[in-house]
């Protein structure tokens, strides 16, 4: 359908015409009624499956900006831990890294940090020790060479 030469405005259809299609003529791309119903049912099933897939999508939650409800939405953080995280953040300032979070909040150790990270918890503005180590490994050291020096 070309919207420049055909109207894109919906036109009401009589009730006796809804859901019925006559068999297409030979060579016509119009589907038969059964094929159309089947296609609509398949599209509906696809939408339901997509909806359930997005319902389980993990969204990142910043530990320095989240409220109690957002923290409780992270798998592995209950009401008590969420309150403790916020109380410690209020008392000691923002968390600089996951190690800082682990050091300041009782009950959050390295294993818990790993599970919280995979569940979508983030620490904005700070790097943890493994991220610092990864950056140091990936940093290329440069050396000033004298003109005409060959690199082997």
N, C-alpha and C. Protein backbone atom coordinates (compact mmCIF):
# COMPACT_ATOMS: atom_id res chain seq x y z
N UNK A 1 0.84 -1.17 0.00
CA UNK A 1 0.00 0.00 0.00
C UNK A 1 0.89 1.23 0.00
N UNK A 2 0.64 2.12 -0.89
CA UNK A 2 1.39 3.36 -1.00
C UNK A 2 0.58 4.47 -0.35
N UNK A 3 1.06 5.06 0.76
CA UNK A 3 0.27 6.08 1.46
C UNK A 3 0.15 7.39 0.67
N UNK A 4 0.94 7.54 -0.39
CA UNK A 4 0.86 8.76 -1.18
C UNK A 4 -0.27 8.72 -2.19
N UNK A 5 -0.66 7.51 -2.59
CA UNK A 5 -1.72 7.43 -3.59
C UNK A 5 -2.96 6.72 -3.07
N UNK A 6 -2.88 6.10 -1.89
CA UNK A 6 -4.03 5.42 -1.30
C UNK A 6 -4.28 5.99 0.09
N UNK A 7 -5.54 6.01 0.49
CA UNK A 7 -5.91 6.55 1.79
C UNK A 7 -5.43 5.61 2.91
N UNK A 8 -4.93 6.21 3.98
CA UNK A 8 -4.49 5.41 5.13
C UNK A 8 -5.49 5.51 6.28
N UNK A 9 -6.64 6.14 6.03
CA UNK A 9 -7.66 6.30 7.05
C UNK A 9 -8.49 5.03 7.12
N UNK A 10 -8.74 4.56 8.35
CA UNK A 10 -9.53 3.35 8.54
C UNK A 10 -10.99 3.61 8.17
N UNK A 11 -11.60 2.64 7.53
CA UNK A 11 -12.99 2.74 7.11
C UNK A 11 -13.78 1.68 7.85
N UNK A 12 -14.92 2.06 8.48
CA UNK A 12 -15.72 1.05 9.20
C UNK A 12 -16.23 -0.03 8.25
N UNK A 13 -16.33 -1.24 8.80
CA UNK A 13 -16.80 -2.37 8.03
C UNK A 13 -18.08 -2.87 8.67
N UNK A 14 -19.00 -3.31 7.87
CA UNK A 14 -20.26 -3.84 8.38
C UNK A 14 -20.00 -5.10 9.18
N UNK A 15 -20.84 -5.35 10.19
CA UNK A 15 -20.65 -6.48 11.10
C UNK A 15 -20.69 -7.81 10.36
N UNK A 16 -21.50 -7.92 9.31
CA UNK A 16 -21.58 -9.19 8.59
C UNK A 16 -20.35 -9.45 7.73
N UNK A 17 -19.48 -8.45 7.55
CA UNK A 17 -18.27 -8.62 6.76
C UNK A 17 -17.05 -8.93 7.62
N UNK A 18 -17.17 -8.76 8.92
CA UNK A 18 -16.01 -8.97 9.80
C UNK A 18 -15.59 -10.43 9.81
N UNK A 19 -14.34 -10.66 9.63
CA UNK A 19 -13.75 -11.99 9.77
C UNK A 19 -14.05 -12.93 8.64
N UNK A 20 -14.68 -12.48 7.57
CA UNK A 20 -14.97 -13.37 6.45
C UNK A 20 -14.25 -12.88 5.22
N UNK A 21 -13.64 -13.80 4.56
CA UNK A 21 -12.97 -13.50 3.30
C UNK A 21 -13.41 -14.55 2.29
N UNK A 22 -13.58 -14.11 1.11
CA UNK A 22 -13.88 -15.08 0.07
C UNK A 22 -12.55 -15.63 -0.44
N UNK A 23 -12.62 -16.75 -1.08
CA UNK A 23 -11.41 -17.35 -1.63
C UNK A 23 -10.82 -16.40 -2.66
N UNK A 24 -9.50 -16.25 -2.64
CA UNK A 24 -8.89 -15.33 -3.60
C UNK A 24 -8.95 -15.88 -5.02
N UNK A 25 -8.92 -14.95 -5.93
CA UNK A 25 -8.88 -15.37 -7.33
C UNK A 25 -7.50 -15.93 -7.63
N UNK A 26 -7.40 -16.68 -8.68
CA UNK A 26 -6.11 -17.26 -9.05
C UNK A 26 -5.10 -16.15 -9.31
N UNK A 27 -3.94 -16.27 -8.68
CA UNK A 27 -2.88 -15.29 -8.86
C UNK A 27 -2.99 -14.08 -7.94
N UNK A 28 -4.07 -14.00 -7.15
CA UNK A 28 -4.25 -12.86 -6.25
C UNK A 28 -3.48 -13.10 -4.94
N UNK A 29 -2.83 -12.06 -4.39
CA UNK A 29 -2.08 -12.24 -3.14
C UNK A 29 -2.98 -12.25 -1.90
N UNK A 30 -4.28 -12.05 -2.05
CA UNK A 30 -5.19 -12.00 -0.91
C UNK A 30 -5.31 -13.39 -0.28
N UNK A 31 -5.06 -13.54 1.04
CA UNK A 31 -5.14 -14.84 1.68
C UNK A 31 -6.59 -15.27 1.88
N UNK A 32 -6.78 -16.55 2.04
CA UNK A 32 -8.12 -17.06 2.32
C UNK A 32 -8.45 -16.78 3.78
N UNK A 33 -9.72 -16.92 4.17
CA UNK A 33 -10.15 -16.65 5.53
C UNK A 33 -9.41 -17.48 6.56
N UNK A 34 -9.23 -18.77 6.29
CA UNK A 34 -8.53 -19.65 7.24
C UNK A 34 -7.08 -19.24 7.38
N UNK A 35 -6.43 -18.91 6.28
CA UNK A 35 -5.03 -18.51 6.32
C UNK A 35 -4.89 -17.20 7.11
N UNK A 36 -5.81 -16.28 6.90
CA UNK A 36 -5.77 -15.00 7.60
C UNK A 36 -5.97 -15.21 9.10
N UNK A 37 -6.95 -16.01 9.47
CA UNK A 37 -7.18 -16.29 10.90
C UNK A 37 -5.95 -16.93 11.53
N UNK A 38 -5.35 -17.87 10.81
CA UNK A 38 -4.16 -18.54 11.32
C UNK A 38 -3.01 -17.55 11.52
N UNK A 39 -2.84 -16.64 10.56
CA UNK A 39 -1.78 -15.64 10.66
C UNK A 39 -2.02 -14.71 11.84
N UNK A 40 -3.27 -14.31 12.06
CA UNK A 40 -3.60 -13.43 13.19
C UNK A 40 -3.34 -14.17 14.51
N UNK A 41 -3.70 -15.43 14.60
CA UNK A 41 -3.46 -16.20 15.83
C UNK A 41 -1.96 -16.35 16.09
N UNK A 42 -1.19 -16.60 15.04
CA UNK A 42 0.26 -16.72 15.21
C UNK A 42 0.86 -15.41 15.67
N UNK A 43 0.39 -14.31 15.12
CA UNK A 43 0.89 -12.99 15.54
C UNK A 43 0.54 -12.73 17.00
N UNK A 44 -0.65 -13.13 17.43
CA UNK A 44 -1.04 -12.97 18.83
C UNK A 44 -0.16 -13.78 19.76
N UNK A 45 0.14 -15.01 19.36
CA UNK A 45 1.02 -15.86 20.16
C UNK A 45 2.41 -15.24 20.26
N UNK A 46 2.90 -14.71 19.14
CA UNK A 46 4.22 -14.06 19.15
C UNK A 46 4.24 -12.87 20.09
N UNK A 47 3.18 -12.06 20.09
CA UNK A 47 3.12 -10.90 20.98
C UNK A 47 3.10 -11.33 22.44
N UNK A 48 2.38 -12.40 22.76
CA UNK A 48 2.34 -12.89 24.14
C UNK A 48 3.73 -13.37 24.56
N UNK A 49 4.40 -14.10 23.67
CA UNK A 49 5.74 -14.59 24.00
C UNK A 49 6.72 -13.44 24.17
N UNK A 50 6.65 -12.44 23.30
CA UNK A 50 7.52 -11.27 23.44
C UNK A 50 7.24 -10.53 24.74
N UNK A 51 5.98 -10.39 25.08
CA UNK A 51 5.62 -9.72 26.33
C UNK A 51 6.18 -10.43 27.54
N UNK A 52 6.11 -11.76 27.55
CA UNK A 52 6.64 -12.50 28.69
C UNK A 52 8.17 -12.44 28.72
N UNK A 53 8.80 -12.34 27.56
CA UNK A 53 10.26 -12.22 27.52
C UNK A 53 10.70 -10.89 28.11
N UNK A 54 9.97 -9.81 27.78
CA UNK A 54 10.34 -8.51 28.30
C UNK A 54 9.96 -8.35 29.76
N UNK A 55 9.02 -9.15 30.25
CA UNK A 55 8.65 -9.06 31.67
C UNK A 55 9.81 -9.50 32.55
N UNK A 56 10.67 -10.38 32.06
CA UNK A 56 11.81 -10.86 32.83
C UNK A 56 13.09 -10.11 32.54
N UNK A 57 13.01 -9.00 31.81
CA UNK A 57 14.18 -8.23 31.45
C UNK A 57 14.76 -7.57 32.70
N UNK A 58 16.07 -7.62 32.82
CA UNK A 58 16.75 -7.02 33.96
C UNK A 58 17.14 -5.59 33.59
N UNK A 59 16.76 -4.67 34.44
CA UNK A 59 17.12 -3.28 34.25
C UNK A 59 18.19 -2.91 35.26
N UNK A 60 19.14 -2.08 34.86
CA UNK A 60 20.21 -1.67 35.75
C UNK A 60 19.66 -0.71 36.80
N UNK A 61 20.08 -0.92 38.04
CA UNK A 61 19.69 -0.05 39.15
C UNK A 61 20.97 0.44 39.80
N UNK A 62 21.14 1.76 39.86
CA UNK A 62 22.32 2.35 40.47
C UNK A 62 22.14 2.39 41.98
N UNK A 63 23.08 1.80 42.69
CA UNK A 63 23.01 1.72 44.15
C UNK A 63 23.08 3.11 44.78
N UNK A 64 23.67 4.08 44.08
CA UNK A 64 23.80 5.42 44.62
C UNK A 64 22.57 6.30 44.36
N UNK A 65 21.66 5.87 43.53
CA UNK A 65 20.49 6.67 43.20
C UNK A 65 19.17 5.97 43.52
N UNK A 66 19.21 4.70 43.86
CA UNK A 66 17.99 3.91 44.03
C UNK A 66 17.33 4.17 45.37
N UNK A 67 16.00 4.04 45.38
CA UNK A 67 15.27 4.09 46.64
C UNK A 67 15.03 2.66 47.12
N UNK A 68 14.33 2.51 48.26
CA UNK A 68 14.12 1.19 48.85
C UNK A 68 13.39 0.26 47.88
N UNK A 69 12.34 0.74 47.22
CA UNK A 69 11.56 -0.10 46.31
C UNK A 69 12.40 -0.58 45.14
N UNK A 70 13.24 0.30 44.58
CA UNK A 70 14.09 -0.11 43.46
C UNK A 70 15.12 -1.14 43.90
N UNK A 71 15.69 -0.96 45.07
CA UNK A 71 16.67 -1.93 45.57
C UNK A 71 16.01 -3.28 45.85
N UNK A 72 14.80 -3.26 46.38
CA UNK A 72 14.09 -4.51 46.64
C UNK A 72 13.74 -5.23 45.35
N UNK A 73 13.68 -4.51 44.23
CA UNK A 73 13.41 -5.12 42.94
C UNK A 73 14.58 -5.94 42.41
N UNK A 74 15.76 -5.77 43.01
CA UNK A 74 16.93 -6.55 42.61
C UNK A 74 16.87 -7.89 43.33
N UNK A 75 17.02 -8.98 42.57
CA UNK A 75 17.00 -10.31 43.15
C UNK A 75 18.17 -10.45 44.13
N UNK A 76 17.86 -10.80 45.38
CA UNK A 76 18.88 -10.97 46.40
C UNK A 76 18.91 -9.86 47.43
N UNK A 77 18.13 -8.79 47.19
CA UNK A 77 18.04 -7.70 48.16
C UNK A 77 16.63 -7.66 48.72
N UNK A 78 16.56 -7.88 50.03
CA UNK A 78 15.28 -7.82 50.72
C UNK A 78 15.07 -6.46 51.36
N UNK A 79 13.97 -6.29 52.09
CA UNK A 79 13.66 -5.00 52.70
C UNK A 79 14.73 -4.53 53.69
N UNK A 80 15.24 -5.45 54.51
CA UNK A 80 16.24 -5.08 55.52
C UNK A 80 17.55 -4.64 54.86
N UNK A 81 18.02 -5.39 53.89
CA UNK A 81 19.27 -5.04 53.20
C UNK A 81 19.11 -3.73 52.44
N UNK A 82 17.95 -3.52 51.83
CA UNK A 82 17.72 -2.27 51.09
C UNK A 82 17.78 -1.08 52.05
N UNK A 83 17.14 -1.21 53.21
CA UNK A 83 17.18 -0.12 54.19
C UNK A 83 18.61 0.12 54.68
N UNK A 84 19.36 -0.97 54.92
CA UNK A 84 20.74 -0.84 55.38
C UNK A 84 21.61 -0.15 54.35
N UNK A 85 21.44 -0.50 53.07
CA UNK A 85 22.21 0.13 51.99
C UNK A 85 21.94 1.64 51.96
N UNK A 86 20.68 2.02 52.07
CA UNK A 86 20.33 3.44 52.01
C UNK A 86 20.80 4.18 53.26
N UNK A 87 20.66 3.56 54.44
CA UNK A 87 21.13 4.20 55.68
C UNK A 87 22.64 4.43 55.62
N UNK A 88 23.39 3.44 55.14
CA UNK A 88 24.85 3.58 55.05
C UNK A 88 25.23 4.61 54.00
N UNK A 89 24.49 4.67 52.91
CA UNK A 89 24.75 5.67 51.87
C UNK A 89 24.49 7.08 52.42
N UNK A 90 23.45 7.23 53.23
CA UNK A 90 23.13 8.53 53.84
C UNK A 90 24.22 8.92 54.84
N UNK A 91 24.68 7.94 55.63
CA UNK A 91 25.69 8.20 56.66
C UNK A 91 27.07 8.45 56.07
N UNK A 92 27.51 7.58 55.15
CA UNK A 92 28.89 7.62 54.67
C UNK A 92 29.10 8.17 53.28
N UNK A 93 28.03 8.59 52.61
CA UNK A 93 28.18 9.11 51.25
C UNK A 93 28.05 8.02 50.21
N UNK A 94 28.20 8.42 48.97
CA UNK A 94 28.00 7.49 47.86
C UNK A 94 29.01 6.34 47.88
N UNK A 95 28.61 5.22 47.31
CA UNK A 95 29.49 4.07 47.19
C UNK A 95 30.39 4.29 45.98
N UNK A 96 31.67 4.08 46.15
CA UNK A 96 32.63 4.30 45.07
C UNK A 96 32.81 3.06 44.20
N UNK A 97 32.56 1.88 44.77
CA UNK A 97 32.76 0.63 44.03
C UNK A 97 31.96 -0.47 44.71
N UNK A 98 31.94 -1.64 44.08
CA UNK A 98 31.28 -2.78 44.70
C UNK A 98 32.03 -3.23 45.96
N UNK A 99 33.36 -3.06 45.96
CA UNK A 99 34.13 -3.39 47.16
C UNK A 99 33.77 -2.47 48.31
N UNK A 100 33.56 -1.19 48.00
CA UNK A 100 33.13 -0.22 49.01
C UNK A 100 31.77 -0.63 49.57
N UNK A 101 30.86 -1.02 48.72
CA UNK A 101 29.55 -1.50 49.14
C UNK A 101 29.70 -2.72 50.05
N UNK A 102 30.54 -3.66 49.64
CA UNK A 102 30.77 -4.87 50.41
C UNK A 102 31.39 -4.58 51.77
N UNK A 103 32.32 -3.62 51.82
CA UNK A 103 32.97 -3.27 53.08
C UNK A 103 32.03 -2.56 54.05
N UNK A 104 31.13 -1.76 53.53
CA UNK A 104 30.29 -0.93 54.38
C UNK A 104 28.96 -1.55 54.77
N UNK A 105 28.47 -2.53 54.02
CA UNK A 105 27.17 -3.14 54.31
C UNK A 105 27.36 -4.57 54.77
N UNK A 106 26.99 -4.84 56.01
CA UNK A 106 27.12 -6.17 56.58
C UNK A 106 26.20 -7.15 55.83
N UNK A 107 26.74 -8.31 55.51
CA UNK A 107 25.97 -9.33 54.82
C UNK A 107 26.17 -9.34 53.31
N UNK A 108 26.91 -8.37 52.80
CA UNK A 108 27.21 -8.36 51.37
C UNK A 108 28.69 -8.65 51.20
N UNK A 109 28.99 -9.88 50.81
CA UNK A 109 30.36 -10.31 50.56
C UNK A 109 30.63 -10.40 49.08
N UNK A 110 31.81 -10.93 48.71
CA UNK A 110 32.16 -11.03 47.28
C UNK A 110 31.18 -11.87 46.46
N UNK A 111 30.70 -12.98 47.03
CA UNK A 111 29.76 -13.82 46.28
C UNK A 111 28.43 -13.10 46.09
N UNK A 112 27.98 -12.40 47.11
CA UNK A 112 26.72 -11.65 47.02
C UNK A 112 26.86 -10.50 46.02
N UNK A 113 28.02 -9.84 46.01
CA UNK A 113 28.28 -8.76 45.06
C UNK A 113 28.16 -9.29 43.63
N UNK A 114 28.74 -10.46 43.38
CA UNK A 114 28.68 -11.05 42.04
C UNK A 114 27.24 -11.33 41.62
N UNK A 115 26.43 -11.87 42.54
CA UNK A 115 25.04 -12.16 42.19
C UNK A 115 24.23 -10.88 42.01
N UNK A 116 24.53 -9.84 42.81
CA UNK A 116 23.81 -8.58 42.67
C UNK A 116 24.16 -7.89 41.35
N UNK A 117 25.42 -7.99 40.95
CA UNK A 117 25.83 -7.41 39.66
C UNK A 117 25.11 -8.09 38.51
N UNK A 118 25.02 -9.43 38.56
CA UNK A 118 24.34 -10.14 37.48
C UNK A 118 22.83 -9.88 37.50
N UNK A 119 22.29 -9.49 38.66
CA UNK A 119 20.87 -9.19 38.77
C UNK A 119 20.55 -7.77 38.33
N UNK A 120 21.59 -6.94 38.04
CA UNK A 120 21.34 -5.61 37.51
C UNK A 120 21.76 -4.46 38.40
N UNK A 121 22.40 -4.72 39.53
CA UNK A 121 22.85 -3.63 40.40
C UNK A 121 24.13 -3.03 39.83
N UNK A 122 24.22 -1.70 39.80
CA UNK A 122 25.41 -1.03 39.31
C UNK A 122 25.87 0.00 40.34
N UNK A 123 27.14 0.39 40.23
CA UNK A 123 27.70 1.47 41.03
C UNK A 123 28.22 2.50 40.04
N UNK A 124 27.50 3.61 39.91
CA UNK A 124 27.90 4.64 38.96
C UNK A 124 29.01 5.49 39.55
N UNK A 125 30.01 5.80 38.73
CA UNK A 125 31.05 6.73 39.14
C UNK A 125 32.28 6.09 39.73
N UNK A 126 32.25 4.83 40.04
CA UNK A 126 33.42 4.19 40.62
C UNK A 126 33.74 2.89 39.93
N UNK A 127 34.99 2.47 39.98
CA UNK A 127 35.40 1.18 39.41
C UNK A 127 35.75 0.25 40.55
N UNK A 128 35.46 -1.05 40.38
CA UNK A 128 35.90 -1.99 41.39
C UNK A 128 37.30 -2.49 41.03
N UNK A 129 37.91 -3.25 41.92
CA UNK A 129 39.30 -3.67 41.74
C UNK A 129 39.50 -4.47 40.45
N UNK A 130 38.57 -5.36 40.11
CA UNK A 130 38.73 -6.16 38.89
C UNK A 130 38.63 -5.28 37.65
N UNK A 131 37.76 -4.25 37.68
CA UNK A 131 37.66 -3.35 36.53
C UNK A 131 38.93 -2.51 36.39
N UNK A 132 39.51 -2.10 37.51
CA UNK A 132 40.78 -1.36 37.46
C UNK A 132 41.87 -2.24 36.89
N UNK A 133 41.93 -3.50 37.35
CA UNK A 133 42.94 -4.44 36.85
C UNK A 133 42.76 -4.68 35.35
N UNK A 134 41.51 -4.83 34.90
CA UNK A 134 41.24 -5.02 33.47
C UNK A 134 41.69 -3.82 32.66
N UNK A 135 41.45 -2.62 33.18
CA UNK A 135 41.89 -1.42 32.45
C UNK A 135 43.41 -1.35 32.38
N UNK A 136 44.07 -1.73 33.49
CA UNK A 136 45.53 -1.68 33.49
C UNK A 136 46.11 -2.68 32.49
N UNK A 137 45.47 -3.86 32.37
CA UNK A 137 45.93 -4.87 31.41
C UNK A 137 45.75 -4.38 29.98
N UNK A 138 44.65 -3.68 29.73
CA UNK A 138 44.35 -3.27 28.36
C UNK A 138 45.08 -1.98 27.96
N UNK A 139 45.66 -1.28 28.92
CA UNK A 139 46.37 -0.04 28.60
C UNK A 139 47.70 -0.37 27.94
N UNK A 140 47.95 0.27 26.83
CA UNK A 140 49.19 0.04 26.11
C UNK A 140 50.22 1.05 26.59
N UNK A 141 51.39 0.56 27.00
CA UNK A 141 52.47 1.45 27.42
C UNK A 141 53.18 1.97 26.18
N UNK A 142 53.42 3.25 26.15
CA UNK A 142 54.12 3.83 25.01
C UNK A 142 55.53 4.23 25.44
N UNK A 143 56.45 4.14 24.51
CA UNK A 143 57.85 4.46 24.77
C UNK A 143 58.29 5.44 23.70
N UNK A 144 58.98 6.50 24.13
CA UNK A 144 59.51 7.46 23.16
C UNK A 144 60.77 6.88 22.54
N UNK A 145 60.84 6.87 21.24
CA UNK A 145 61.99 6.32 20.53
C UNK A 145 62.76 7.45 19.86
N UNK A 146 64.05 7.22 19.73
CA UNK A 146 64.89 8.18 19.01
C UNK A 146 64.57 8.07 17.52
N UNK A 147 64.68 9.16 16.80
CA UNK A 147 64.45 9.09 15.36
C UNK A 147 65.38 8.08 14.70
N UNK A 148 64.86 7.27 13.83
CA UNK A 148 65.66 6.28 13.11
C UNK A 148 65.78 4.96 13.85
N UNK A 149 65.27 4.86 15.09
CA UNK A 149 65.35 3.61 15.84
C UNK A 149 64.35 2.61 15.28
N UNK A 150 64.79 1.39 15.08
CA UNK A 150 63.93 0.36 14.53
C UNK A 150 63.34 -0.47 15.66
N UNK A 151 62.08 -0.82 15.54
CA UNK A 151 61.41 -1.67 16.53
C UNK A 151 61.49 -3.11 16.06
N UNK A 152 61.92 -3.99 16.94
CA UNK A 152 62.02 -5.41 16.57
C UNK A 152 60.85 -6.18 17.07
